[in-house]
Every structure is written in structure tokens, then in C-alpha cells.
Protein backbone atom coordinates (compact mmCIF):
# COMPACT_ATOMS: atom_id res chain seq x y z
CA MET A 1 -24.09 -15.76 6.08
CA SER A 2 -20.84 -16.67 4.33
CA VAL A 3 -17.64 -16.06 6.26
CA LEU A 4 -14.50 -14.67 4.63
CA LYS A 5 -11.48 -16.63 5.86
CA ILE A 6 -8.29 -14.59 5.92
CA GLY A 7 -4.60 -14.84 6.75
CA ILE A 8 -2.23 -11.97 7.47
CA ILE A 9 1.46 -11.69 6.56
CA GLY A 10 3.12 -9.17 8.85
CA CYS A 11 2.12 -8.46 12.44
CA GLY A 12 3.23 -4.86 12.70
CA SER A 13 0.99 -1.80 12.95
CA ILE A 14 -1.29 -2.46 9.96
CA GLY A 15 -1.40 -6.22 10.50
CA THR A 16 -2.38 -5.69 14.14
CA LEU A 17 -5.19 -3.27 13.24
CA LEU A 18 -6.53 -5.68 10.62
CA ALA A 19 -6.38 -8.63 13.02
CA ARG A 20 -8.22 -6.75 15.75
CA HIS A 21 -10.85 -5.57 13.28
CA ALA A 22 -11.44 -9.09 11.96
CA ASP A 23 -11.66 -10.33 15.54
CA LYS A 24 -14.79 -8.20 16.04
CA ARG A 25 -16.57 -9.34 12.89
CA LYS A 26 -18.90 -12.31 12.47
CA ASP A 27 -18.48 -12.37 8.68
CA ILE A 28 -14.65 -12.38 8.73
CA ARG A 29 -12.58 -15.09 10.35
CA LEU A 30 -8.85 -14.68 10.87
CA LEU A 31 -7.39 -18.15 10.45
CA HIS A 32 -3.64 -17.60 10.37
CA LEU A 33 -0.89 -15.11 11.22
CA PHE A 34 2.60 -15.17 9.73
CA ASP A 35 5.59 -12.99 10.52
CA GLU A 36 9.31 -13.48 9.99
CA ASP A 37 9.51 -12.74 13.71
CA ASN A 38 7.48 -15.70 14.98
CA ASN A 39 7.28 -14.26 18.48
CA LYS A 40 5.62 -11.09 17.18
CA ALA A 41 2.88 -13.21 15.58
CA ARG A 42 2.42 -15.19 18.80
CA VAL A 43 2.06 -12.04 20.89
CA LEU A 44 -0.61 -10.70 18.54
CA ALA A 45 -2.48 -14.02 18.46
CA GLY A 46 -2.53 -14.04 22.24
CA LYS A 47 -4.37 -10.70 22.30
CA LEU A 48 -7.23 -11.88 20.09
CA ARG A 49 -10.54 -13.28 21.31
CA ASN A 50 -10.78 -15.76 18.43
CA LYS A 51 -7.34 -17.31 18.48
CA ALA A 52 -5.62 -17.40 15.09
CA THR A 53 -3.03 -20.05 14.32
CA VAL A 54 0.54 -18.82 14.04
CA VAL A 55 2.19 -20.47 11.02
CA ARG A 56 5.84 -20.78 10.06
CA GLY A 57 5.47 -20.83 6.28
CA ILE A 58 3.34 -19.48 3.43
CA ALA A 59 2.18 -22.97 2.46
CA GLU A 60 0.21 -23.11 5.72
CA LEU A 61 -1.98 -20.21 4.57
CA SER A 62 -3.66 -22.41 1.96
CA GLU A 63 -7.03 -22.60 3.78
CA CYS A 64 -7.65 -18.87 3.39
CA ASP A 65 -9.94 -17.13 0.91
CA LEU A 66 -7.76 -14.02 1.16
CA VAL A 67 -4.21 -13.38 2.36
CA ILE A 68 -3.25 -9.83 3.29
CA GLU A 69 0.36 -8.68 2.92
CA ALA A 70 1.05 -6.06 5.59
CA ALA A 71 4.78 -6.57 5.96
CA SER A 72 7.14 -5.08 3.37
CA GLN A 73 8.05 -4.88 -0.30
CA GLU A 74 10.44 -7.75 0.35
CA ALA A 75 7.52 -9.88 1.55
CA VAL A 76 5.64 -9.14 -1.67
CA ARG A 77 8.61 -10.21 -3.77
CA GLU A 78 9.19 -13.33 -1.69
CA HIS A 79 5.66 -14.60 -1.04
CA ALA A 80 3.05 -13.07 -3.37
CA LEU A 81 3.33 -15.59 -6.19
CA ALA A 82 3.02 -18.53 -3.78
CA VAL A 83 -0.04 -16.99 -2.10
CA LEU A 84 -1.87 -16.77 -5.44
CA ASP A 85 -1.64 -20.54 -5.83
CA SER A 86 -4.38 -20.96 -3.24
CA SER A 87 -6.07 -17.62 -2.44
CA ASP A 88 -6.76 -14.03 -3.37
CA LEU A 89 -4.19 -11.47 -2.25
CA MET A 90 -4.30 -7.96 -0.80
CA ILE A 91 -1.04 -6.00 -1.15
CA MET A 92 -0.25 -3.05 1.10
CA SER A 93 3.41 -2.59 0.09
CA MET A 94 2.58 -1.51 -3.43
CA GLY A 95 6.01 -0.04 -4.03
CA ALA A 96 7.11 -3.57 -4.95
CA LEU A 97 4.86 -3.37 -8.00
CA ALA A 98 7.04 -0.68 -9.52
CA ASP A 99 9.00 -3.71 -10.72
CA GLU A 100 7.20 -4.32 -14.01
CA GLU A 101 8.51 -7.87 -14.27
CA LEU A 102 7.10 -8.77 -10.86
CA LEU A 103 3.79 -7.06 -11.64
CA SER A 104 3.53 -9.00 -14.90
CA LYS A 105 4.25 -12.31 -13.14
CA LEU A 106 1.63 -11.62 -10.47
CA THR A 107 -1.10 -10.62 -12.92
CA ARG A 108 -0.38 -13.68 -15.10
CA LYS A 109 -0.49 -15.96 -12.07
CA ALA A 110 -3.77 -14.42 -10.91
CA GLU A 111 -5.29 -14.98 -14.35
CA GLU A 112 -4.08 -18.58 -14.48
CA LYS A 113 -5.43 -19.40 -11.02
CA GLY A 114 -8.61 -17.32 -11.19
CA ARG A 115 -7.46 -15.14 -8.28
CA THR A 116 -7.91 -11.44 -7.54
CA ILE A 117 -5.21 -9.04 -6.37
CA HIS A 118 -6.61 -6.22 -4.23
CA LEU A 119 -4.73 -2.91 -3.93
CA PRO A 120 -6.22 -0.55 -1.31
CA SER A 121 -6.12 3.17 -2.03
CA GLY A 122 -3.67 3.66 0.84
CA ALA A 123 -2.67 7.11 2.03
CA VAL A 124 -4.39 9.18 -0.69
CA ALA A 125 -7.82 10.20 -1.88
CA GLY A 126 -8.95 10.28 -5.49
CA LEU A 127 -8.02 6.90 -7.00
CA ASP A 128 -11.65 6.41 -8.02
CA GLY A 129 -11.52 9.64 -10.04
CA ILE A 130 -8.16 8.72 -11.60
CA LYS A 131 -9.53 5.32 -12.67
CA SER A 132 -12.59 6.97 -14.18
CA ALA A 133 -10.51 9.60 -15.97
CA ALA A 134 -8.32 6.87 -17.48
CA MET A 135 -11.36 5.53 -19.30
CA GLY A 136 -11.18 8.68 -21.44
CA GLU A 137 -8.26 10.86 -22.44
CA THR A 138 -5.96 11.71 -19.52
CA GLU A 139 -3.35 14.32 -20.36
CA SER A 140 -1.34 14.33 -17.13
CA VAL A 141 -1.17 12.95 -13.60
CA THR A 142 1.12 14.65 -11.08
CA LEU A 143 1.82 13.66 -7.49
CA THR A 144 3.52 16.11 -5.12
CA THR A 145 4.59 14.56 -1.83
CA ARG A 146 5.76 16.67 1.11
CA LYS A 147 7.48 14.92 4.03
CA PRO A 148 9.62 15.74 7.06
CA PRO A 149 13.26 15.08 6.08
CA LYS A 150 13.55 12.12 8.49
CA GLY A 151 10.84 10.36 6.48
CA LEU A 152 13.30 10.11 3.58
CA LEU A 153 16.21 8.59 5.49
CA GLY A 154 17.97 5.79 3.62
CA ALA A 155 16.70 6.70 0.15
CA PRO A 156 19.33 6.11 -2.58
CA GLY A 157 18.21 9.31 -4.27
CA LEU A 158 19.55 11.40 -1.41
CA ALA A 159 23.10 10.69 -2.57
CA LEU A 160 22.37 12.93 -5.56
CA LEU A 161 21.70 15.95 -3.35
CA ASP A 162 24.28 18.67 -2.76
CA VAL A 163 23.22 18.85 0.90
CA GLY A 164 22.36 16.16 3.42
CA LEU A 165 18.99 15.98 5.16
CA GLY A 166 20.47 17.64 8.22
CA GLY A 167 21.32 20.67 6.12
CA ILE A 168 17.78 21.22 4.85
CA ARG A 169 16.48 24.39 6.53
CA LYS A 170 13.57 25.15 4.22
CA PRO A 171 11.19 23.16 1.96
CA THR A 172 13.46 21.60 -0.67
CA VAL A 173 12.60 19.61 -3.81
CA VAL A 174 14.69 16.43 -3.53
CA PHE A 175 13.21 14.65 -6.54
CA GLU A 176 11.32 15.56 -9.70
CA GLY A 177 10.70 12.97 -12.39
CA THR A 178 8.48 10.02 -13.27
CA ALA A 179 7.00 7.41 -10.93
CA ASP A 180 9.28 4.66 -12.24
CA GLU A 181 12.33 6.83 -11.55
CA ALA A 182 10.99 7.61 -8.07
CA ALA A 183 10.64 3.89 -7.41
CA ARG A 184 14.35 3.42 -8.07
CA LEU A 185 15.62 6.43 -6.10
CA PHE A 186 13.07 6.56 -3.26
CA PRO A 187 11.84 2.94 -2.98
CA ARG A 188 10.37 3.30 0.52
CA ASN A 189 8.34 6.37 -0.41
CA VAL A 190 6.55 5.22 -3.57
CA ASN A 191 3.55 3.17 -2.45
CA VAL A 192 1.31 6.13 -3.25
CA ALA A 193 3.02 6.83 -6.59
CA VAL A 194 2.62 3.21 -7.68
CA ALA A 195 -1.06 3.14 -6.68
CA ILE A 196 -1.71 6.30 -8.70
CA SER A 197 0.23 4.92 -11.68
CA LEU A 198 -1.71 1.65 -11.73
CA ALA A 199 -5.03 3.47 -11.46
CA GLY A 200 -4.13 5.92 -14.21
CA ILE A 201 -1.65 6.30 -17.05
CA GLY A 202 1.30 4.19 -15.91
CA ALA A 203 4.56 4.80 -14.04
CA GLY A 204 6.43 6.13 -17.07
CA LYS A 205 3.92 8.94 -17.59
CA THR A 206 2.98 9.76 -14.00
CA LYS A 207 4.97 12.73 -12.70
CA VAL A 208 6.28 12.76 -9.13
CA ARG A 209 7.70 15.59 -7.05
CA ILE A 210 9.08 14.94 -3.55
CA ILE A 211 9.66 17.82 -1.14
CA ALA A 212 11.61 17.53 2.12
CA ASP A 213 10.00 20.04 4.46
CA PRO A 214 11.58 20.60 7.91
CA PHE A 215 8.40 22.38 9.03
CA ALA A 216 6.06 19.52 8.07
CA ASP A 217 4.61 17.33 10.81
CA ARG A 218 2.52 15.22 8.42
CA ASN A 219 3.00 13.44 5.11
CA VAL A 220 1.08 15.46 2.52
CA HIS A 221 0.11 14.10 -0.89
CA GLU A 222 -1.33 16.38 -3.57
CA ILE A 223 -2.62 14.89 -6.83
CA ALA A 224 -3.49 16.85 -9.97
CA VAL A 225 -5.11 15.14 -12.95
CA GLU A 226 -6.04 16.78 -16.24
CA GLY A 227 -7.83 15.34 -19.23
CA SER A 228 -10.88 15.43 -21.47
CA PHE A 229 -13.10 15.05 -18.38
CA GLY A 230 -11.78 18.26 -16.80
CA ARG A 231 -9.45 18.55 -13.80
CA ILE A 232 -9.13 16.76 -10.45
CA VAL A 233 -7.12 18.13 -7.53
CA THR A 234 -6.86 16.34 -4.18
CA ARG A 235 -4.81 17.00 -1.04
CA THR A 236 -4.37 14.49 1.76
CA GLU A 237 -2.65 15.43 5.04
CA ASN A 238 -1.84 12.19 6.78
CA VAL A 239 -1.62 11.62 10.52
CA PRO A 240 0.93 8.86 11.21
CA LEU A 241 0.17 5.77 13.26
CA PRO A 242 1.37 6.38 16.84
CA LYS A 243 3.43 3.15 16.95
CA ASN A 244 4.78 3.49 13.41
CA PRO A 245 5.39 7.09 12.26
CA LYS A 246 6.37 5.88 8.77
CA THR A 247 2.84 4.57 8.15
CA SER A 248 -0.16 6.85 7.67
CA LYS A 249 -3.31 6.08 9.61
CA LEU A 250 -5.36 6.46 6.44
CA ALA A 251 -3.36 3.66 4.77
CA ALA A 252 -4.33 1.30 7.57
CA LEU A 253 -7.97 2.41 7.42
CA SER A 254 -8.02 1.86 3.65
CA ALA A 255 -6.97 -1.76 4.21
CA ILE A 256 -9.84 -2.21 6.67
CA ALA A 257 -12.29 -0.58 4.25
CA THR A 258 -11.12 -2.83 1.40
CA LEU A 259 -11.52 -5.92 3.60
CA ASP A 260 -15.02 -4.88 4.68
CA GLY A 261 -15.99 -4.19 1.08
CA MET A 262 -15.44 -7.84 0.20
CA THR A 263 -18.25 -8.87 2.53
CA LYS A 264 -20.81 -6.31 1.37
CA ARG A 265 -23.45 -6.57 -1.37
CA LEU A 266 -23.60 -2.79 -1.83
CA LYS A 267 -20.46 -1.45 -3.50
CA VAL A 268 -19.88 2.31 -3.29
CA GLY A 269 -17.43 4.10 -5.56
CA THR A 270 -15.63 3.18 -8.75
């Protein structure tokens, strides 16, 4: 049985779940952990049965078959190109790929080095259908995201509103435009939009609508796709991770499912 050797960048909620999952598997071996907060990586390593080595730099991840980014968009921008020199890469912070220049550099590097970049489906359902639809004629892809107002704190796009988040008393549309525009105005809320764009018709054609809903207790993503194949409609109501309310549990589970899929001979889904 071949063993998949992995490293993890980021020892927060998703990184911890991935590390603990790998620790239980015989066909996955966690070699290294890296976090800007070295102590956080050491604490996680100390909780694992099969002790992973805590490293202080990306160059020390070179023994891995796969490196998983579970940190931030900044980590993608800073480390992704270097990772592809020596291993495949899984990216969780897909919002970084709204930067077309960065995306182009990463795909070129992967081609040059014979590497693969894995993008889990994250906090939504239906990417398999969107990918299939894109093989034919897709007329439109629309994402409607509904979040509690506090989930939008810090977004540059909020400066364009006539009322602050504290003044929102009913469901309010705070953005309506394309995925590339959403990436600029709501950079911390576009992982899903970027995933949908890459699976389908691109960020410039993918429509995004963001609703701040003071009555919402979950992040809700609705996707509507229309084309020559017919129509797809999905709705995902995400439960947040207890230790990180900004991250959906399904996003973490999708990373685990993607990792497991690399070790299996039976591949299910598009």
C-alpha cells in the first residue's frame, strides 16, 4: 500500500481537523506542520499520535507529495508558488485565486513542474454539475449568499452602503454584481464565488448577490445554473465550526474528502 505524505500550512480549525484525520489513517502520513505562529503548530503536533515535524519555512516541506494550505489568502499569495516546486498543492483559501495574475502564475508553474493544484468544493454543493454544464452551453451562473451581518465585518464594500451593519434590521442586499467585483469588495467572503467561477464560466460572467440577514444563524449559499442541459438549483445551509464561526463545517469536510479521494482507486463524481 502506497502512503501519501502530506504537509499542512496553517494549524487553525481546518488544519487541525486535517491533521487529526491523517493521524488515524494508514495510507496518509502527516510529515510536517507549518504556521506563522510556531507555537500553534507545536501544540497541534503534541496532540497527534504520529508526531509531525514542526518546520519554520516552506523549503522544509519538500519531502511531501502534497501540501495543504489551510491558513489564509495571504498564505496562498506568499507560499503557493514555492510549494509547487516540490509537491502538489491543495488550496482552501480560494479567494486568492480571484487574482487572475496569481492564478495564471500558479497554473503555469504547475504545468512546468508536472504538479496538480487541488481545489475542494468547500462550503457549497453542485460544483460537479457546474463543471459538467460548462462542457456544453451555459447561459448563466448565479450565486446568492446570505450571512449574518457580523460575517461581513471588515469588507471594503461596506463603505458603499448608506447604513452600517449595526443599522441593518431586515435582510438587505449589500452587493450585486460579478464574482470578480465581489472579490475586490468582499475579499473574505468570496471563496465560494471563486470556486463556482473556476468550475463554470469565469469570474467576469458569474453573478453574485450578497445579503446581510440579521435573522440568519447560518451562512446560506444558493446556486442557480441555466444552460442547454437544463437548470440546476442548489441550496446549502452551513453550520459553522464551533471554534471558528467564520468557517463552515462543510468546507472542512470537503478538504478531508478531497484528501481521502487521492488515496482511492474508485473515483465518484465528476
